[in-house]
Amino acid sequence: MRESSYFKFTNLVVLLPMMAVLSIWTVYWFEIRYQVNFNHYGVYPRTLKGLRGIVLSPFIHSSVEHLYNNTIPLAVLTASLAYFYREIVFRVLLWGVLLSGVITWLIGRPSYHIGASGLIYVLVSFVFFKGILSKYYRLVALSLVVVFIYGSLLWYIFPVEEGISWEGHLGGFVTGLFLAFVIKAPLPKPRKYEWEREDYNEEEDEFLKHFDEDGNFIESKPPESASLDDDIVIKYHFKKDSGEGKEDD
């Protein structure tokens, strides 16, 4: 697969982030508009009722600040995933939501865990580790960009601040790492130069002919010029004077 066909801008790169952002904002608008609270639909660890939060919790946010903090990372990371990992984008999102939610349900404190931050940690972890594992220069560069922008998120997989579901963050981080190893992503074949081909013949290379066995440059001599007498023929054409009948001044 060529790089031009692998890394290709499609409508999905725009539509997927828009749908993700629109969905979480629509749910919050619905809560404000009709004065309802969906927090009890979040993940409540180790309860049968809390299992529904595995799927529903990424759409529920407690405040505008909570919603805003998740909006930009969610949009940027889903767009990056859709562009660089187009073939596996939906598998990563589906399994990311399910597995991170299950981990939160298993290890979380007895409280409602809500928000898209768990999925954001899945995406950060997956994009970083998948790029490093691929060893492909563009994906490695993407990993470094993700670390530069979102590297500080690593602190929040630990209980460093009250009111934050560090269990959800940790579950997302571990899930992203796991998916980076498990889900295979097709990569473009690296470009091969002439000297990397198996049928390459050094003796026929015009460039290498300018060097001797010791690597010294040999200046090629221009071809000998042919004799001028053999190649050049000079012909003279005489015209009669057309001034007959004219008188001299």
C-alpha atoms as a PDB file:
ATOM      1  CA  MET A   1       0.000   0.000   0.000  1.00  0.00           C
ATOM      2  CA  ARG A   2       1.403   3.370  -0.980  1.00  0.00           C
ATOM      3  CA  GLU A   3       1.734   6.172   1.535  1.00  0.00           C
ATOM      4  CA  SER A   4      -0.479   8.461  -0.566  1.00  0.00           C
ATOM      5  CA  SER A   5      -3.368   5.983  -0.358  1.00  0.00           C
ATOM      6  CA  TYR A   6      -2.794   5.150   3.303  1.00  0.00           C
ATOM      7  CA  PHE A   7      -2.619   8.683   4.722  1.00  0.00           C
ATOM      8  CA  LYS A   8      -5.550  10.225   2.919  1.00  0.00           C
ATOM      9  CA  PHE A   9      -7.840  13.030   4.015  1.00  0.00           C
ATOM     10  CA  THR A  10     -11.447  11.802   3.929  1.00  0.00           C
ATOM     11  CA  ASN A  11     -14.789  13.070   5.160  1.00  0.00           C
ATOM     12  CA  LEU A  12     -14.390  10.832   8.205  1.00  0.00           C
ATOM     13  CA  VAL A  13     -11.570  13.041   9.496  1.00  0.00           C
ATOM     14  CA  VAL A  14     -14.068  15.899   9.821  1.00  0.00           C
ATOM     15  CA  LEU A  15     -17.326  14.063  10.495  1.00  0.00           C
ATOM     16  CA  LEU A  16     -16.096  11.800  13.301  1.00  0.00           C
ATOM     17  CA  PRO A  17     -14.837  14.615  15.589  1.00  0.00           C
ATOM     18  CA  MET A  18     -17.964  16.655  14.825  1.00  0.00           C
ATOM     19  CA  MET A  19     -20.255  13.773  15.750  1.00  0.00           C
ATOM     20  CA  ALA A  20     -18.304  13.035  18.941  1.00  0.00           C
ATOM     21  CA  VAL A  21     -18.364  16.663  20.104  1.00  0.00           C
ATOM     22  CA  LEU A  22     -21.966  17.209  19.049  1.00  0.00           C
ATOM     23  CA  SER A  23     -23.143  14.137  20.947  1.00  0.00           C
ATOM     24  CA  ILE A  24     -21.660  15.157  24.307  1.00  0.00           C
ATOM     25  CA  TRP A  25     -22.846  18.754  23.959  1.00  0.00           C
ATOM     26  CA  THR A  26     -26.342  17.653  22.944  1.00  0.00           C
ATOM     27  CA  VAL A  27     -26.691  15.463  26.033  1.00  0.00           C
ATOM     28  CA  TYR A  28     -25.582  18.297  28.290  1.00  0.00           C
ATOM     29  CA  TRP A  29     -27.932  20.752  26.542  1.00  0.00           C
ATOM     30  CA  PHE A  30     -30.787  18.300  27.080  1.00  0.00           C
ATOM     31  CA  GLU A  31     -30.028  18.170  30.807  1.00  0.00           C
ATOM     32  CA  ILE A  32     -30.027  21.964  31.082  1.00  0.00           C
ATOM     33  CA  ARG A  33     -33.058  22.462  28.860  1.00  0.00           C
ATOM     34  CA  TYR A  34     -35.306  19.954  30.661  1.00  0.00           C
ATOM     35  CA  GLN A  35     -33.736  20.259  34.123  1.00  0.00           C
ATOM     36  CA  VAL A  36     -32.708  16.612  34.390  1.00  0.00           C
ATOM     37  CA  ASN A  37     -29.570  14.977  35.697  1.00  0.00           C
ATOM     38  CA  PHE A  38     -28.038  11.942  33.992  1.00  0.00           C
ATOM     39  CA  ASN A  39     -25.200  11.430  36.457  1.00  0.00           C
ATOM     40  CA  HIS A  40     -26.831   8.286  37.822  1.00  0.00           C
ATOM     41  CA  TYR A  41     -26.378   6.721  34.370  1.00  0.00           C
ATOM     42  CA  GLY A  42     -22.616   6.747  34.864  1.00  0.00           C
ATOM     43  CA  VAL A  43     -20.409   3.844  35.874  1.00  0.00           C
ATOM     44  CA  TYR A  44     -21.089   2.796  39.452  1.00  0.00           C
ATOM     45  CA  PRO A  45     -18.458   0.188  40.307  1.00  0.00           C
ATOM     46  CA  ARG A  46     -19.364  -3.400  41.100  1.00  0.00           C
ATOM     47  CA  THR A  47     -23.123  -2.995  40.808  1.00  0.00           C
ATOM     48  CA  LEU A  48     -25.394  -4.461  38.192  1.00  0.00           C
ATOM     49  CA  LYS A  49     -27.030  -1.100  37.529  1.00  0.00           C
ATOM     50  CA  GLY A  50     -23.629   0.523  37.134  1.00  0.00           C
ATOM     51  CA  LEU A  51     -22.842  -1.619  34.101  1.00  0.00           C
ATOM     52  CA  ARG A  52     -24.957   0.618  31.864  1.00  0.00           C
ATOM     53  CA  GLY A  53     -22.517   3.418  32.522  1.00  0.00           C
ATOM     54  CA  ILE A  54     -19.839   1.568  30.538  1.00  0.00           C
ATOM     55  CA  VAL A  55     -21.583   2.705  27.360  1.00  0.00           C
ATOM     56  CA  LEU A  56     -23.425   5.809  28.590  1.00  0.00           C
ATOM     57  CA  SER A  57     -20.871   7.536  30.824  1.00  0.00           C
ATOM     58  CA  PRO A  58     -18.716   9.039  28.001  1.00  0.00           C
ATOM     59  CA  PHE A  59     -21.701  11.200  26.967  1.00  0.00           C
ATOM     60  CA  ILE A  60     -22.435  12.579  30.476  1.00  0.00           C
ATOM     61  CA  HIS A  61     -20.666  15.577  32.029  1.00  0.00           C
ATOM     62  CA  SER A  62     -21.177  17.341  35.320  1.00  0.00           C
ATOM     63  CA  SER A  63     -20.529  20.954  34.274  1.00  0.00           C
ATOM     64  CA  VAL A  64     -19.664  23.242  31.372  1.00  0.00           C
ATOM     65  CA  GLU A  65     -16.043  23.305  32.527  1.00  0.00           C
ATOM     66  CA  HIS A  66     -15.940  19.504  32.567  1.00  0.00           C
ATOM     67  CA  LEU A  67     -17.491  19.422  29.119  1.00  0.00           C
ATOM     68  CA  TYR A  68     -15.153  22.063  27.692  1.00  0.00           C
ATOM     69  CA  ASN A  69     -12.023  20.353  29.057  1.00  0.00           C
ATOM     70  CA  ASN A  70     -12.967  17.167  27.191  1.00  0.00           C
ATOM     71  CA  THR A  71     -14.175  18.769  23.952  1.00  0.00           C
ATOM     72  CA  ILE A  72     -10.909  19.898  22.359  1.00  0.00           C
ATOM     73  CA  PRO A  73      -8.854  16.765  23.188  1.00  0.00           C
ATOM     74  CA  LEU A  74     -11.696  14.549  21.979  1.00  0.00           C
ATOM     75  CA  ALA A  75     -11.947  16.421  18.670  1.00  0.00           C
ATOM     76  CA  VAL A  76      -8.179  16.512  18.037  1.00  0.00           C
ATOM     77  CA  LEU A  77      -7.535  12.889  18.942  1.00  0.00           C
ATOM     78  CA  THR A  78     -10.476  11.417  17.030  1.00  0.00           C
ATOM     79  CA  ALA A  79      -9.446  13.413  13.951  1.00  0.00           C
ATOM     80  CA  SER A  80      -5.873  12.109  14.276  1.00  0.00           C
ATOM     81  CA  LEU A  81      -7.126   8.564  14.700  1.00  0.00           C
ATOM     82  CA  ALA A  82      -9.379   8.845  11.635  1.00  0.00           C
ATOM     83  CA  TYR A  83      -6.555  10.225   9.480  1.00  0.00           C
ATOM     84  CA  PHE A  84      -3.623   8.029  10.489  1.00  0.00           C
ATOM     85  CA  TYR A  85      -5.517   4.839  11.427  1.00  0.00           C
ATOM     86  CA  ARG A  86      -8.482   4.940   9.078  1.00  0.00           C
ATOM     87  CA  GLU A  87      -8.748   1.153   8.757  1.00  0.00           C
ATOM     88  CA  ILE A  88      -9.116   0.495  12.495  1.00  0.00           C
ATOM     89  CA  VAL A  89     -10.663   3.700  13.847  1.00  0.00           C
ATOM     90  CA  PHE A  90     -14.037   2.205  14.815  1.00  0.00           C
ATOM     91  CA  ARG A  91     -12.505  -0.868  16.418  1.00  0.00           C
ATOM     92  CA  VAL A  92     -10.301   1.319  18.599  1.00  0.00           C
ATOM     93  CA  LEU A  93     -13.238   3.497  19.655  1.00  0.00           C
ATOM     94  CA  LEU A  94     -15.587   0.585  20.356  1.00  0.00           C
ATOM     95  CA  TRP A  95     -13.141  -1.540  22.305  1.00  0.00           C
ATOM     96  CA  GLY A  96     -11.714   1.532  23.974  1.00  0.00           C
ATOM     97  CA  VAL A  97     -15.070   2.529  25.422  1.00  0.00           C
ATOM     98  CA  LEU A  98     -15.968  -0.999  26.507  1.00  0.00           C
ATOM     99  CA  LEU A  99     -12.665  -2.076  28.062  1.00  0.00           C
ATOM    100  CA  SER A 100     -11.925   1.209  29.818  1.00  0.00           C
ATOM    101  CA  GLY A 101     -15.460   1.186  31.210  1.00  0.00           C
ATOM    102  CA  VAL A 102     -15.101  -2.365  32.486  1.00  0.00           C
ATOM    103  CA  ILE A 103     -11.809  -1.542  34.220  1.00  0.00           C
ATOM    104  CA  THR A 104     -13.412   1.490  35.846  1.00  0.00           C
ATOM    105  CA  TRP A 105     -16.336  -0.665  36.971  1.00  0.00           C
ATOM    106  CA  LEU A 106     -13.927  -3.161  38.537  1.00  0.00           C
ATOM    107  CA  ILE A 107     -11.493  -0.850  40.342  1.00  0.00           C
ATOM    108  CA  GLY A 108     -13.452   2.373  40.850  1.00  0.00           C
ATOM    109  CA  ARG A 109     -14.533   3.938  44.113  1.00  0.00           C
ATOM    110  CA  PRO A 110     -18.227   3.678  45.057  1.00  0.00           C
ATOM    111  CA  SER A 111     -19.317   6.760  43.143  1.00  0.00           C
ATOM    112  CA  TYR A 112     -20.688   7.669  39.734  1.00  0.00           C
ATOM    113  CA  HIS A 113     -17.891   7.937  37.153  1.00  0.00           C
ATOM    114  CA  ILE A 114     -18.851  10.072  34.160  1.00  0.00           C
ATOM    115  CA  GLY A 115     -17.230  11.935  31.277  1.00  0.00           C
ATOM    116  CA  ALA A 116     -15.346  11.293  28.039  1.00  0.00           C
ATOM    117  CA  SER A 117     -11.962  11.576  29.729  1.00  0.00           C
ATOM    118  CA  GLY A 118     -11.636   7.789  29.898  1.00  0.00           C
ATOM    119  CA  LEU A 119     -11.926   7.601  26.113  1.00  0.00           C
ATOM    120  CA  ILE A 120      -9.468  10.483  25.751  1.00  0.00           C
ATOM    121  CA  TYR A 121      -6.902   8.519  27.753  1.00  0.00           C
ATOM    122  CA  VAL A 122      -7.544   5.530  25.505  1.00  0.00           C
ATOM    123  CA  LEU A 123      -6.778   7.638  22.434  1.00  0.00           C
ATOM    124  CA  VAL A 124      -3.693   9.305  23.900  1.00  0.00           C
ATOM    125  CA  SER A 125      -2.262   5.981  25.025  1.00  0.00           C
ATOM    126  CA  PHE A 126      -3.106   4.153  21.787  1.00  0.00           C
ATOM    127  CA  VAL A 127      -1.756   6.831  19.435  1.00  0.00           C
ATOM    128  CA  PHE A 128       1.469   7.158  21.416  1.00  0.00           C
ATOM    129  CA  PHE A 129       2.291   3.475  21.848  1.00  0.00           C
ATOM    130  CA  LYS A 130       1.070   2.435  18.396  1.00  0.00           C
ATOM    131  CA  GLY A 131       3.281   5.022  16.727  1.00  0.00           C
ATOM    132  CA  ILE A 132       6.340   3.897  18.696  1.00  0.00           C
ATOM    133  CA  LEU A 133       5.654   0.221  17.994  1.00  0.00           C
ATOM    134  CA  SER A 134       5.141   0.820  14.269  1.00  0.00           C
ATOM    135  CA  LYS A 135       8.583   2.472  13.887  1.00  0.00           C
ATOM    136  CA  TYR A 136       7.153   4.340  10.914  1.00  0.00           C
ATOM    137  CA  TYR A 137       8.493   7.878  10.869  1.00  0.00           C
ATOM    138  CA  ARG A 138       5.174   9.703  10.411  1.00  0.00           C
ATOM    139  CA  LEU A 139       3.444   7.734  13.164  1.00  0.00           C
ATOM    140  CA  VAL A 140       6.418   8.185  15.483  1.00  0.00           C
ATOM    141  CA  ALA A 141       6.228  11.920  14.820  1.00  0.00           C
ATOM    142  CA  LEU A 142       2.522  11.837  15.715  1.00  0.00           C
ATOM    143  CA  SER A 143       3.382  10.050  18.969  1.00  0.00           C
ATOM    144  CA  LEU A 144       5.861  12.777  19.889  1.00  0.00           C
ATOM    145  CA  VAL A 145       3.310  15.491  19.139  1.00  0.00           C
ATOM    146  CA  VAL A 146       0.740  13.753  21.356  1.00  0.00           C
ATOM    147  CA  VAL A 147       3.249  13.502  24.193  1.00  0.00           C
ATOM    148  CA  PHE A 148       4.190  17.156  23.798  1.00  0.00           C
ATOM    149  CA  ILE A 149       0.560  18.331  23.937  1.00  0.00           C
ATOM    150  CA  TYR A 150      -1.027  15.833  26.321  1.00  0.00           C
ATOM    151  CA  GLY A 151       1.929  14.445  28.267  1.00  0.00           C
ATOM    152  CA  SER A 152       0.810  16.204  31.432  1.00  0.00           C
ATOM    153  CA  LEU A 153      -2.329  14.022  31.485  1.00  0.00           C
ATOM    154  CA  LEU A 154      -0.191  11.171  32.771  1.00  0.00           C
ATOM    155  CA  TRP A 155      -0.319  12.584  36.301  1.00  0.00           C
ATOM    156  CA  TYR A 156      -4.087  12.163  36.456  1.00  0.00           C
ATOM    157  CA  ILE A 157      -3.966   8.371  36.293  1.00  0.00           C
ATOM    158  CA  PHE A 158      -2.995   8.672  39.967  1.00  0.00           C
ATOM    159  CA  PRO A 159      -5.191   9.964  42.827  1.00  0.00           C
ATOM    160  CA  VAL A 160      -3.658  13.451  42.856  1.00  0.00           C
ATOM    161  CA  GLU A 161      -6.860  15.509  42.947  1.00  0.00           C
ATOM    162  CA  GLU A 162     -10.240  15.085  44.604  1.00  0.00           C
ATOM    163  CA  GLY A 163     -13.322  14.847  42.415  1.00  0.00           C
ATOM    164  CA  ILE A 164     -11.491  13.367  39.425  1.00  0.00           C
ATOM    165  CA  SER A 165     -12.009   9.767  38.364  1.00  0.00           C
ATOM    166  CA  TRP A 166      -8.394   8.672  38.249  1.00  0.00           C
ATOM    167  CA  GLU A 167      -9.689   5.096  37.965  1.00  0.00           C
ATOM    168  CA  GLY A 168     -11.349   5.984  34.656  1.00  0.00           C
ATOM    169  CA  HIS A 169      -8.150   7.651  33.452  1.00  0.00           C
ATOM    170  CA  LEU A 170      -6.058   4.659  34.474  1.00  0.00           C
ATOM    171  CA  GLY A 171      -8.512   2.290  32.796  1.00  0.00           C
ATOM    172  CA  GLY A 172      -8.328   4.306  29.585  1.00  0.00           C
ATOM    173  CA  PHE A 173      -4.526   4.443  29.644  1.00  0.00           C
ATOM    174  CA  VAL A 174      -4.174   0.689  30.179  1.00  0.00           C
ATOM    175  CA  THR A 175      -6.789  -0.009  27.499  1.00  0.00           C
ATOM    176  CA  GLY A 176      -4.982   2.150  24.932  1.00  0.00           C
ATOM    177  CA  LEU A 177      -1.711   0.365  25.647  1.00  0.00           C
ATOM    178  CA  PHE A 178      -3.401  -3.025  25.303  1.00  0.00           C
ATOM    179  CA  LEU A 179      -5.093  -2.111  22.011  1.00  0.00           C
ATOM    180  CA  ALA A 180      -1.810  -0.798  20.597  1.00  0.00           C
ATOM    181  CA  PHE A 181      -0.401  -4.320  20.887  1.00  0.00           C
ATOM    182  CA  VAL A 182      -3.528  -6.263  19.930  1.00  0.00           C
ATOM    183  CA  ILE A 183      -5.078  -4.340  17.023  1.00  0.00           C
ATOM    184  CA  LYS A 184      -2.990  -4.563  13.873  1.00  0.00           C
ATOM    185  CA  ALA A 185      -2.850  -1.521  11.624  1.00  0.00           C
ATOM    186  CA  PRO A 186      -1.723  -1.741   7.976  1.00  0.00           C
ATOM    187  CA  LEU A 187       1.309   0.400   7.183  1.00  0.00           C
ATOM    188  CA  PRO A 188       2.508   1.746   3.832  1.00  0.00           C
ATOM    189  CA  LYS A 189       5.468  -0.064   2.353  1.00  0.00           C
ATOM    190  CA  PRO A 190       8.699   1.916   2.663  1.00  0.00           C
ATOM    191  CA  ARG A 191      10.061   3.267  -0.585  1.00  0.00           C
ATOM    192  CA  LYS A 192      12.937   1.261  -2.038  1.00  0.00           C
ATOM    193  CA  TYR A 193      15.720   2.982  -3.943  1.00  0.00           C
ATOM    194  CA  GLU A 194      17.527   1.412  -6.872  1.00  0.00           C
ATOM    195  CA  TRP A 195      20.478   0.282  -4.754  1.00  0.00           C
ATOM    196  CA  GLU A 196      18.138  -1.480  -2.317  1.00  0.00           C
ATOM    197  CA  ARG A 197      16.646  -3.778  -4.943  1.00  0.00           C
ATOM    198  CA  GLU A 198      17.721  -7.407  -5.092  1.00  0.00           C
ATOM    199  CA  ASP A 199      18.494  -7.234  -8.839  1.00  0.00           C
ATOM    200  CA  TYR A 200      20.660  -4.118  -8.459  1.00  0.00           C
ATOM    201  CA  ASN A 201      23.880  -4.258 -10.520  1.00  0.00           C
ATOM    202  CA  GLU A 202      26.633  -1.895  -9.421  1.00  0.00           C
ATOM    203  CA  GLU A 203      28.506  -2.200 -12.723  1.00  0.00           C
ATOM    204  CA  GLU A 204      25.593  -0.688 -14.640  1.00  0.00           C
ATOM    205  CA  ASP A 205      25.168   2.281 -12.318  1.00  0.00           C
ATOM    206  CA  GLU A 206      26.218   5.426 -14.187  1.00  0.00           C
ATOM    207  CA  PHE A 207      26.993   7.249 -10.961  1.00  0.00           C
ATOM    208  CA  LEU A 208      29.325   4.568  -9.590  1.00  0.00           C
ATOM    209  CA  LYS A 209      31.264   4.535 -12.853  1.00  0.00           C
ATOM    210  CA  HIS A 210      32.764   7.858 -11.793  1.00  0.00           C
ATOM    211  CA  PHE A 211      34.625   6.149  -8.916  1.00  0.00           C
ATOM    212  CA  ASP A 212      37.492   3.668  -8.927  1.00  0.00           C
ATOM    213  CA  GLU A 213      37.880   0.623  -6.658  1.00  0.00           C
ATOM    214  CA  ASP A 214      39.332   2.784  -3.862  1.00  0.00           C
ATOM    215  CA  GLY A 215      36.435   5.241  -3.944  1.00  0.00           C
ATOM    216  CA  ASN A 216      38.376   7.979  -5.735  1.00  0.00           C
ATOM    217  CA  PHE A 217      36.465  10.191  -8.127  1.00  0.00           C
ATOM    218  CA  ILE A 218      37.338   9.721 -11.772  1.00  0.00           C
ATOM    219  CA  GLU A 219      36.641  12.597 -14.098  1.00  0.00           C
ATOM    220  CA  SER A 220      35.179  11.291 -17.310  1.00  0.00           C
ATOM    221  CA  LYS A 221      36.759  12.567 -20.507  1.00  0.00           C
ATOM    222  CA  PRO A 222      34.583  14.151 -23.165  1.00  0.00           C
ATOM    223  CA  PRO A 223      34.423  12.275 -26.451  1.00  0.00           C
ATOM    224  CA  GLU A 224      37.083  13.244 -28.963  1.00  0.00           C
ATOM    225  CA  SER A 225      35.867  15.838 -31.425  1.00  0.00           C
ATOM    226  CA  ALA A 226      35.875  14.865 -35.042  1.00  0.00           C
ATOM    227  CA  SER A 227      38.000  16.622 -37.608  1.00  0.00           C
ATOM    228  CA  LEU A 228      36.514  19.850 -38.912  1.00  0.00           C
ATOM    229  CA  ASP A 229      37.526  18.980 -42.434  1.00  0.00           C
ATOM    230  CA  ASP A 230      35.404  15.837 -42.362  1.00  0.00           C
ATOM    231  CA  ASP A 231      32.250  17.314 -40.852  1.00  0.00           C
ATOM    232  CA  ILE A 232      32.090  20.852 -42.202  1.00  0.00           C
ATOM    233  CA  VAL A 233      31.500  21.627 -45.866  1.00  0.00           C
ATOM    234  CA  ILE A 234      31.502  25.258 -46.963  1.00  0.00           C
ATOM    235  CA  LYS A 235      29.622  26.205 -50.106  1.00  0.00           C
ATOM    236  CA  TYR A 236      29.739  29.619 -51.786  1.00  0.00           C
ATOM    237  CA  HIS A 237      26.871  30.963 -53.861  1.00  0.00           C
ATOM    238  CA  PHE A 238      27.471  33.911 -56.223  1.00  0.00           C
ATOM    239  CA  LYS A 239      24.645  36.164 -57.391  1.00  0.00           C
ATOM    240  CA  LYS A 240      24.807  38.445 -60.369  1.00  0.00           C
ATOM    241  CA  ASP A 241      24.635  42.150 -59.702  1.00  0.00           C
ATOM    242  CA  SER A 242      21.068  43.331 -60.339  1.00  0.00           C
ATOM    243  CA  GLY A 243      22.094  46.951 -60.912  1.00  0.00           C
ATOM    244  CA  GLU A 244      22.406  46.836 -64.753  1.00  0.00           C
ATOM    245  CA  GLY A 245      21.308  49.954 -66.575  1.00  0.00           C
ATOM    246  CA  LYS A 246      21.899  52.204 -63.583  1.00  0.00           C
ATOM    247  CA  GLU A 247      24.124  55.218 -64.112  1.00  0.00           C
ATOM    248  CA  ASP A 248      26.892  56.060 -61.761  1.00  0.00           C
ATOM    249  CA  ASP A 249      26.585  59.305 -59.885  1.00  0.00           C
END
